N, C-alpha and C. Protein backbone atom coordinates (compact mmCIF):
# COMPACT_ATOMS: atom_id res chain seq x y z
N UNK A 1 31.21 44.80 0.91
CA UNK A 1 31.44 43.55 1.64
C UNK A 1 30.53 43.21 3.14
N UNK A 2 30.05 44.62 3.80
CA UNK A 2 29.42 44.84 4.94
C UNK A 2 28.19 44.23 4.79
N UNK A 3 27.29 44.72 3.15
CA UNK A 3 26.11 44.36 3.37
C UNK A 3 26.60 42.61 2.76
N UNK A 4 27.52 42.54 2.17
CA UNK A 4 27.55 40.78 1.39
C UNK A 4 27.27 39.53 3.06
N UNK A 5 27.63 40.33 4.25
CA UNK A 5 27.96 40.07 5.50
C UNK A 5 27.23 40.10 6.28
N UNK A 6 25.63 40.73 6.02
CA UNK A 6 24.86 41.59 6.84
C UNK A 6 23.63 40.41 5.60
N UNK A 7 23.61 40.24 4.41
CA UNK A 7 22.52 39.28 3.77
C UNK A 7 23.11 38.24 4.32
N UNK A 8 24.45 37.17 4.53
CA UNK A 8 24.28 36.10 4.67
C UNK A 8 23.82 35.48 6.50
N UNK A 9 24.12 36.53 7.37
CA UNK A 9 23.65 36.48 8.79
C UNK A 9 22.20 36.34 8.58
N UNK A 10 21.45 37.49 7.90
CA UNK A 10 20.30 37.07 7.84
C UNK A 10 19.51 36.48 7.04
N UNK A 11 20.52 35.78 5.84
CA UNK A 11 19.85 34.25 5.19
C UNK A 11 19.60 33.16 6.49
N UNK A 12 21.15 33.00 7.09
CA UNK A 12 20.88 32.17 7.82
C UNK A 12 19.85 31.92 9.08
N UNK A 13 19.84 33.27 9.55
CA UNK A 13 19.19 33.50 10.64
C UNK A 13 17.87 32.70 10.30
N UNK A 14 17.55 33.68 8.74
CA UNK A 14 15.65 33.23 8.22
C UNK A 14 15.71 31.69 8.16
N UNK A 15 16.71 30.87 7.62
CA UNK A 15 16.73 29.63 7.46
C UNK A 15 16.43 28.87 8.81
N UNK A 16 17.55 29.22 10.11
CA UNK A 16 17.31 28.47 11.16
C UNK A 16 15.73 29.20 11.71
N UNK A 17 15.12 30.59 11.73
CA UNK A 17 13.95 30.78 11.86
C UNK A 17 12.46 29.57 11.29
N UNK A 18 13.23 29.16 10.21
CA UNK A 18 12.09 28.61 9.03
C UNK A 18 11.88 27.65 9.08
N UNK A 19 12.95 26.60 9.72
CA UNK A 19 13.33 24.88 10.07
C UNK A 19 13.31 25.01 11.48
N UNK A 20 13.46 26.04 12.06
CA UNK A 20 13.23 26.02 13.86
C UNK A 20 11.45 25.93 14.06
N UNK A 21 10.42 26.25 13.54
CA UNK A 21 9.85 26.66 13.76
C UNK A 21 8.41 26.60 12.94
N UNK A 22 8.97 26.49 11.69
CA UNK A 22 8.25 26.09 10.02
C UNK A 22 6.66 27.19 10.12
N UNK A 23 7.69 28.40 10.78
CA UNK A 23 6.53 29.97 10.33
C UNK A 23 7.20 30.24 9.30
N UNK A 24 6.21 30.50 8.24
CA UNK A 24 6.34 31.60 6.88
C UNK A 24 5.67 32.69 6.93
N UNK A 25 5.66 33.70 6.08
CA UNK A 25 4.83 34.79 5.56
C UNK A 25 3.87 33.87 4.52
N UNK A 26 2.89 34.68 4.06
CA UNK A 26 2.07 34.38 3.53
C UNK A 26 2.52 33.97 1.49
N UNK A 27 3.05 34.91 1.51
CA UNK A 27 3.73 34.92 0.08
C UNK A 27 4.60 33.93 -0.40
N UNK A 28 5.41 33.36 1.15
CA UNK A 28 6.36 32.13 0.94
C UNK A 28 5.18 30.77 0.92
N UNK A 29 3.74 31.09 1.52
CA UNK A 29 2.84 30.24 1.97
C UNK A 29 2.57 29.51 0.11
N UNK A 30 1.99 31.00 -0.34
CA UNK A 30 1.50 30.47 -1.53
C UNK A 30 2.47 30.16 -2.52
N UNK A 31 3.85 30.58 -2.63
CA UNK A 31 4.84 29.78 -3.42
C UNK A 31 5.08 28.36 -2.90
N UNK A 32 5.05 27.85 -1.79
CA UNK A 32 5.79 26.45 -1.80
C UNK A 32 4.09 26.43 -0.67
N UNK A 33 3.12 25.62 -1.41
CA UNK A 33 1.77 25.31 -0.77
C UNK A 33 2.29 23.85 -0.56
N UNK A 34 2.31 23.56 -1.80
CA UNK A 34 2.13 22.07 -1.74
C UNK A 34 3.28 21.44 -0.89
N UNK A 35 4.22 22.18 -0.92
CA UNK A 35 5.46 21.79 0.04
C UNK A 35 5.43 21.79 1.49
N UNK A 36 4.61 22.66 1.92
CA UNK A 36 4.61 23.16 3.01
C UNK A 36 3.06 22.11 3.87
N UNK A 37 2.09 21.98 2.92
CA UNK A 37 0.78 21.04 2.94
C UNK A 37 1.43 19.68 3.75
N UNK A 38 2.16 19.52 2.34
CA UNK A 38 2.55 17.79 2.65
C UNK A 38 3.47 18.03 4.22
N UNK A 39 4.27 19.05 4.45
CA UNK A 39 5.24 18.80 5.86
C UNK A 39 3.95 18.68 7.28
N UNK A 40 3.01 19.93 6.96
CA UNK A 40 2.02 19.55 7.80
C UNK A 40 1.35 18.46 8.37
N UNK A 41 1.10 17.39 6.52
CA UNK A 41 0.78 15.53 6.89
C UNK A 41 1.46 15.26 7.55
N UNK A 42 2.85 15.49 7.23
CA UNK A 42 4.15 14.56 8.04
C UNK A 42 3.45 14.82 9.17
N UNK A 43 3.50 15.41 10.12
CA UNK A 43 3.88 16.04 11.15
C UNK A 43 4.14 17.28 11.59
N UNK A 44 4.71 17.92 11.00
CA UNK A 44 5.34 19.42 11.24
C UNK A 44 4.58 20.56 11.34
N UNK A 45 4.33 21.15 11.99
CA UNK A 45 3.70 22.22 12.63
C UNK A 45 3.90 23.42 11.61
N UNK A 46 3.28 23.47 10.77
CA UNK A 46 3.45 24.85 9.79
C UNK A 46 2.58 26.11 10.36
N UNK A 47 3.44 27.18 10.19
CA UNK A 47 2.37 28.57 10.86
C UNK A 47 3.14 29.37 9.33
N UNK A 48 1.40 29.94 9.44
CA UNK A 48 1.40 31.01 8.12
C UNK A 48 1.49 32.82 9.11
N UNK A 49 2.26 33.41 8.66
CA UNK A 49 2.14 34.64 9.11
C UNK A 49 1.14 35.67 7.99
N UNK A 50 0.20 36.29 8.34
CA UNK A 50 -0.76 37.06 7.28
C UNK A 50 -0.64 38.23 7.69
N UNK A 51 -0.39 39.15 7.35
CA UNK A 51 -0.99 41.00 8.22
C UNK A 51 -0.77 40.76 9.93
N UNK A 52 0.08 40.13 9.97
CA UNK A 52 0.52 40.51 11.66
C UNK A 52 -0.24 38.82 12.42
N UNK A 53 -1.32 37.90 11.33
CA UNK A 53 -2.05 36.91 12.21
C UNK A 53 -1.06 36.21 11.96
N UNK A 54 -1.48 35.01 12.80
CA UNK A 54 -0.79 33.51 12.71
C UNK A 54 -1.72 32.50 12.72
N UNK A 55 -2.02 32.04 11.19
CA UNK A 55 -2.77 30.63 10.85
C UNK A 55 -1.93 29.66 10.89
N UNK A 56 -2.43 28.42 12.02
CA UNK A 56 -1.66 27.28 11.97
C UNK A 56 -2.67 25.78 10.98
N UNK A 57 -1.65 25.10 10.72
CA UNK A 57 -2.28 24.42 9.47
C UNK A 57 -1.53 22.58 10.07
N UNK A 58 -2.95 22.18 10.60
CA UNK A 58 -2.96 21.07 11.15
C UNK A 58 -3.95 19.93 10.05
N UNK A 59 -3.88 18.69 9.80
CA UNK A 59 -3.90 17.77 9.83
C UNK A 59 -5.49 17.27 9.80
N UNK A 60 -6.10 16.77 9.74
CA UNK A 60 -7.73 16.16 10.71
C UNK A 60 -7.16 15.49 10.95
N UNK A 61 -6.83 14.57 10.76
CA UNK A 61 -5.96 13.03 11.67
C UNK A 61 -4.73 13.15 10.94
N UNK A 62 -4.07 12.27 11.61
CA UNK A 62 -3.19 12.15 11.45
C UNK A 62 -2.78 10.20 10.99
N UNK A 63 -2.63 10.43 10.00
CA UNK A 63 -2.49 9.45 9.19
C UNK A 63 -0.90 8.92 9.76
N UNK A 64 -0.32 7.33 10.42
CA UNK A 64 0.47 6.86 10.38
C UNK A 64 2.42 6.98 9.65
N UNK A 65 1.44 7.46 8.12
CA UNK A 65 2.51 7.57 7.34
C UNK A 65 2.08 8.15 5.76
N UNK A 66 3.22 8.78 5.03
CA UNK A 66 2.28 8.55 3.85
C UNK A 66 1.96 7.79 3.15
N UNK A 67 2.75 6.26 3.43
CA UNK A 67 2.14 5.25 2.46
C UNK A 67 0.58 5.16 3.10
N UNK A 68 0.47 5.52 4.59
CA UNK A 68 -1.07 5.12 4.88
C UNK A 68 -2.30 5.61 4.69
N UNK A 69 -1.57 7.38 3.47
CA UNK A 69 -2.99 7.62 2.69
C UNK A 69 -3.24 7.23 1.69
N UNK A 70 -2.63 6.00 0.97
CA UNK A 70 -2.62 5.34 0.04
C UNK A 70 -3.89 4.57 0.19
N UNK A 71 -5.11 5.00 -1.11
CA UNK A 71 -6.24 4.24 -0.55
C UNK A 71 -5.93 2.80 -1.83
N UNK A 72 -6.40 1.82 -1.51
CA UNK A 72 -6.48 0.75 -2.46
C UNK A 72 -7.48 0.61 -3.72
N UNK A 73 -6.82 0.41 -4.57
CA UNK A 73 -7.67 0.46 -5.77
C UNK A 73 -8.38 -1.37 -5.83
N UNK A 74 -9.42 -1.15 -5.74
CA UNK A 74 -9.90 -2.74 -6.36
C UNK A 74 -10.08 -3.13 -7.87
N UNK A 75 -9.30 -4.15 -7.84
CA UNK A 75 -9.36 -5.09 -9.33
C UNK A 75 -10.12 -6.16 -9.65
N UNK A 76 -11.41 -6.03 -9.88
CA UNK A 76 -12.00 -6.87 -10.37
C UNK A 76 -11.35 -8.21 -11.26
N UNK A 77 -10.55 -9.12 -10.59
CA UNK A 77 -10.82 -10.65 -11.61
C UNK A 77 -11.34 -11.59 -10.98
N UNK A 78 -11.57 -12.42 -11.53
CA UNK A 78 -12.14 -14.07 -11.15
C UNK A 78 -11.53 -14.49 -10.69
N UNK A 79 -11.31 -15.10 -9.48
CA UNK A 79 -10.58 -15.74 -8.56
C UNK A 79 -9.83 -17.11 -9.71
N UNK A 80 -10.54 -17.25 -10.10
CA UNK A 80 -10.46 -18.38 -10.79
C UNK A 80 -9.17 -18.63 -12.09
N UNK A 81 -9.17 -17.19 -12.29
CA UNK A 81 -7.96 -16.82 -13.33
C UNK A 81 -7.15 -16.94 -13.10
N UNK A 82 -6.36 -17.86 -14.20
CA UNK A 82 -4.30 -18.47 -14.50
C UNK A 82 -3.94 -16.95 -15.11
N UNK A 83 -3.34 -15.91 -14.17
CA UNK A 83 -2.33 -15.56 -14.78
C UNK A 83 -1.17 -15.47 -15.55
N UNK A 84 -0.77 -16.87 -15.44
CA UNK A 84 0.41 -18.36 -16.07
C UNK A 84 0.32 -18.33 -16.88
N UNK A 85 -1.26 -18.38 -17.09
CA UNK A 85 -1.55 -18.93 -18.62
C UNK A 85 -0.89 -18.80 -20.26
N UNK A 86 -0.01 -19.68 -20.48
CA UNK A 86 0.67 -19.89 -22.07
C UNK A 86 0.27 -18.57 -23.04
N UNK A 87 -0.89 -18.67 -23.01
CA UNK A 87 -2.20 -18.14 -23.86
C UNK A 87 -2.48 -16.84 -24.13
N UNK A 88 -2.89 -16.59 -22.86
CA UNK A 88 -2.92 -15.03 -21.43
C UNK A 88 -1.41 -14.68 -22.48
N UNK A 89 -0.82 -15.46 -21.64
CA UNK A 89 0.76 -14.44 -21.66
C UNK A 89 1.35 -14.01 -23.31
N UNK A 90 0.77 -14.45 -23.95
CA UNK A 90 1.40 -14.51 -25.73
C UNK A 90 0.48 -13.60 -25.74
N UNK A 91 -0.82 -13.53 -25.88
CA UNK A 91 -2.24 -12.84 -26.13
C UNK A 91 -1.56 -11.24 -25.71
N UNK A 92 -1.34 -11.35 -24.41
CA UNK A 92 -0.93 -10.03 -23.74
C UNK A 92 0.19 -9.27 -23.84
N UNK A 93 1.04 -10.19 -24.65
CA UNK A 93 2.76 -9.73 -24.71
C UNK A 93 2.29 -8.82 -26.10
N UNK A 94 1.35 -9.80 -27.27
CA UNK A 94 1.30 -9.21 -28.63
C UNK A 94 0.07 -8.10 -28.67
N UNK A 95 -0.19 -7.40 -27.40
CA UNK A 95 -1.29 -6.66 -27.53
C UNK A 95 -0.37 -5.32 -26.77
N UNK A 96 0.82 -5.69 -26.47
CA UNK A 96 1.78 -4.41 -25.69
C UNK A 96 2.76 -3.81 -26.68
N UNK A 97 3.09 -5.07 -27.46
CA UNK A 97 3.93 -4.76 -28.22
C UNK A 97 3.66 -4.05 -29.69
N UNK A 98 1.83 -3.96 -30.20
CA UNK A 98 0.92 -3.64 -30.87
C UNK A 98 1.07 -1.84 -30.43
N UNK A 99 1.33 -1.92 -28.99
CA UNK A 99 0.89 -0.38 -28.04
C UNK A 99 2.68 0.16 -28.39
N UNK A 100 3.54 -0.51 -28.31
CA UNK A 100 4.71 0.35 -28.16
C UNK A 100 4.93 0.57 -29.93
N UNK A 101 4.57 -0.24 -31.13
CA UNK A 101 4.69 0.24 -32.11
C UNK A 101 3.84 1.43 -32.51
N UNK A 102 2.80 1.53 -31.99
CA UNK A 102 1.95 1.82 -32.32
C UNK A 102 3.08 3.71 -32.14
N UNK A 103 3.14 3.67 -30.51
CA UNK A 103 3.65 5.28 -29.77
C UNK A 103 4.81 5.56 -30.27
N UNK A 104 5.77 4.53 -30.96
CA UNK A 104 7.34 4.70 -31.00
C UNK A 104 7.05 4.74 -33.31
N UNK A 105 6.00 4.62 -33.61
CA UNK A 105 6.18 4.98 -35.03
C UNK A 105 6.56 6.21 -35.53
N UNK A 106 5.57 7.57 -34.60
CA UNK A 106 6.33 8.45 -34.47
C UNK A 106 7.58 8.85 -34.71
N UNK A 107 8.67 8.41 -34.08
CA UNK A 107 9.48 8.53 -33.68
C UNK A 107 10.48 8.61 -35.05
């Protein structure tokens, strides 16, 4: 029972330490690299400890938000093209239905 209480106290302290300072050992960093890098990109300080030395992960420049990191895709469509044209919609729908039938034929 005493060991269980000690473990719970350790886990709570470790969780507080992790969330307060965001300092993790290198093994935990390897397991959670993508989540920790995302936290650093979102503005949190992330410190990694390895063999008694500390490394701070800092983004090169701070984007305003996660959406700010999205690069727009350039779509090349003739500005005069009418997306509401009934002939275009019918052709587009028949194309999609053929692809659906092909995808669902194997099931």
